[in-house]
Amino acid sequence: MLTLSTVRPILEQVVADRAGEPVHYLDGRRLLGPGDVHHLHDRLHPDAAGYVLMGERFVALAREAAWSPPPGPVAQPETSTGTSL
């Protein structure tokens, strides 16, 4: 049976095998772990507060990650006429 417990080590190995490539593994339990089960209304899917918590934790982790770009101005997308929005 395929479960999160069996998939996590497989994913970790896939990422390890691709060392040097732009592939990163983040164990989801760092975003929503055993202490957060009260956010899992059906024991699987987070409630609204759980999603907010996951987002906050992801941003905090991403800001500290080696692959994260340095903080700076956000580039404005160009329109079809070549001007910035």
C-alpha atoms as a PDB file:
ATOM      1  CA  MET A   1       0.000   0.000   0.000  1.00  0.00           C
ATOM      2  CA  LEU A   2       1.332   3.418  -0.949  1.00  0.00           C
ATOM      3  CA  THR A   3       1.272   5.738   2.059  1.00  0.00           C
ATOM      4  CA  LEU A   4       3.031   8.950   3.016  1.00  0.00           C
ATOM      5  CA  SER A   5       5.294   6.894   5.280  1.00  0.00           C
ATOM      6  CA  THR A   6       6.486   4.826   2.317  1.00  0.00           C
ATOM      7  CA  VAL A   7       6.607   7.702  -0.180  1.00  0.00           C
ATOM      8  CA  ARG A   8       8.702  10.131   1.909  1.00  0.00           C
ATOM      9  CA  PRO A   9      11.924   8.043   1.867  1.00  0.00           C
ATOM     10  CA  ILE A  10      11.471   7.372  -1.857  1.00  0.00           C
ATOM     11  CA  LEU A  11      11.163  11.101  -2.571  1.00  0.00           C
ATOM     12  CA  GLU A  12      14.188  11.862  -0.420  1.00  0.00           C
ATOM     13  CA  GLN A  13      16.215   9.320  -2.405  1.00  0.00           C
ATOM     14  CA  VAL A  14      15.048  10.713  -5.756  1.00  0.00           C
ATOM     15  CA  VAL A  15      16.188  14.184  -4.714  1.00  0.00           C
ATOM     16  CA  ALA A  16      19.505  12.839  -3.366  1.00  0.00           C
ATOM     17  CA  ASP A  17      20.105  11.026  -6.673  1.00  0.00           C
ATOM     18  CA  ARG A  18      19.672  14.324  -8.490  1.00  0.00           C
ATOM     19  CA  ALA A  19      22.233  16.232  -6.416  1.00  0.00           C
ATOM     20  CA  GLY A  20      23.345  19.358  -8.215  1.00  0.00           C
ATOM     21  CA  GLU A  21      20.117  19.679 -10.180  1.00  0.00           C
ATOM     22  CA  PRO A  22      17.518  22.308  -9.240  1.00  0.00           C
ATOM     23  CA  VAL A  23      15.424  19.806  -7.272  1.00  0.00           C
ATOM     24  CA  HIS A  24      14.715  20.229  -3.567  1.00  0.00           C
ATOM     25  CA  TYR A  25      12.792  18.134  -1.074  1.00  0.00           C
ATOM     26  CA  LEU A  26      10.788  19.629   1.756  1.00  0.00           C
ATOM     27  CA  ASP A  27       9.149  17.179   4.116  1.00  0.00           C
ATOM     28  CA  GLY A  28       5.574  18.415   4.482  1.00  0.00           C
ATOM     29  CA  ARG A  29       5.704  17.735   8.214  1.00  0.00           C
ATOM     30  CA  ARG A  30       7.855  20.861   8.490  1.00  0.00           C
ATOM     31  CA  LEU A  31       4.842  22.822   7.275  1.00  0.00           C
ATOM     32  CA  LEU A  32       2.100  21.011   9.152  1.00  0.00           C
ATOM     33  CA  GLY A  33       3.226  18.417  11.659  1.00  0.00           C
ATOM     34  CA  PRO A  34       1.871  16.144  14.373  1.00  0.00           C
ATOM     35  CA  GLY A  35       1.266  19.098  16.690  1.00  0.00           C
ATOM     36  CA  ASP A  36      -1.064  20.636  14.127  1.00  0.00           C
ATOM     37  CA  VAL A  37      -3.583  17.813  13.716  1.00  0.00           C
ATOM     38  CA  HIS A  38      -6.333  20.045  15.080  1.00  0.00           C
ATOM     39  CA  HIS A  39      -6.152  21.817  11.683  1.00  0.00           C
ATOM     40  CA  LEU A  40      -7.009  18.587   9.837  1.00  0.00           C
ATOM     41  CA  HIS A  41     -10.795  18.602   9.940  1.00  0.00           C
ATOM     42  CA  ASP A  42     -11.041  15.244   8.158  1.00  0.00           C
ATOM     43  CA  ARG A  43      -7.653  13.962   9.398  1.00  0.00           C
ATOM     44  CA  LEU A  44      -6.178  14.715   5.948  1.00  0.00           C
ATOM     45  CA  HIS A  45      -6.976  18.201   4.627  1.00  0.00           C
ATOM     46  CA  PRO A  46      -6.059  21.418   6.467  1.00  0.00           C
ATOM     47  CA  ASP A  47      -8.647  23.986   7.433  1.00  0.00           C
ATOM     48  CA  ALA A  48      -8.188  27.656   6.456  1.00  0.00           C
ATOM     49  CA  ALA A  49      -5.984  28.383   9.471  1.00  0.00           C
ATOM     50  CA  GLY A  50      -3.888  25.314   8.625  1.00  0.00           C
ATOM     51  CA  TYR A  51      -3.260  26.615   5.106  1.00  0.00           C
ATOM     52  CA  VAL A  52      -2.234  29.999   6.507  1.00  0.00           C
ATOM     53  CA  LEU A  53       0.146  28.275   8.920  1.00  0.00           C
ATOM     54  CA  MET A  54       1.633  26.171   6.118  1.00  0.00           C
ATOM     55  CA  GLY A  55       2.151  29.272   3.976  1.00  0.00           C
ATOM     56  CA  GLU A  56       3.837  31.177   6.779  1.00  0.00           C
ATOM     57  CA  ARG A  57       6.147  28.275   7.534  1.00  0.00           C
ATOM     58  CA  PHE A  58       6.975  27.742   3.863  1.00  0.00           C
ATOM     59  CA  VAL A  59       7.887  31.408   3.383  1.00  0.00           C
ATOM     60  CA  ALA A  60      10.087  31.335   6.496  1.00  0.00           C
ATOM     61  CA  LEU A  61      11.883  28.186   5.293  1.00  0.00           C
ATOM     62  CA  ALA A  62      12.215  29.453   1.727  1.00  0.00           C
ATOM     63  CA  ARG A  63      13.745  32.731   2.854  1.00  0.00           C
ATOM     64  CA  GLU A  64      16.492  30.810   4.649  1.00  0.00           C
ATOM     65  CA  ALA A  65      17.075  28.263   1.864  1.00  0.00           C
ATOM     66  CA  ALA A  66      20.327  28.310  -0.111  1.00  0.00           C
ATOM     67  CA  TRP A  67      18.353  28.315  -3.379  1.00  0.00           C
ATOM     68  CA  SER A  68      16.289  31.336  -2.413  1.00  0.00           C
ATOM     69  CA  PRO A  69      17.100  34.525  -4.328  1.00  0.00           C
ATOM     70  CA  PRO A  70      18.279  37.479  -2.247  1.00  0.00           C
ATOM     71  CA  PRO A  71      15.599  39.973  -1.260  1.00  0.00           C
ATOM     72  CA  GLY A  72      15.215  42.841  -3.651  1.00  0.00           C
ATOM     73  CA  PRO A  73      12.746  44.658  -5.849  1.00  0.00           C
ATOM     74  CA  VAL A  74      10.196  42.541  -7.638  1.00  0.00           C
ATOM     75  CA  ALA A  75      10.401  42.776 -11.416  1.00  0.00           C
ATOM     76  CA  GLN A  76       7.261  44.114 -13.031  1.00  0.00           C
ATOM     77  CA  PRO A  77       5.828  41.940 -15.821  1.00  0.00           C
ATOM     78  CA  GLU A  78       5.773  43.493 -19.261  1.00  0.00           C
ATOM     79  CA  THR A  79       2.612  43.972 -21.271  1.00  0.00           C
ATOM     80  CA  SER A  80       2.236  42.768 -24.844  1.00  0.00           C
ATOM     81  CA  THR A  81       3.375  46.227 -25.994  1.00  0.00           C
ATOM     82  CA  GLY A  82       6.674  45.865 -24.124  1.00  0.00           C
ATOM     83  CA  THR A  83       5.895  48.335 -21.365  1.00  0.00           C
ATOM     84  CA  SER A  84       5.833  47.555 -17.671  1.00  0.00           C
ATOM     85  CA  LEU A  85       2.516  47.317 -15.884  1.00  0.00           C
END
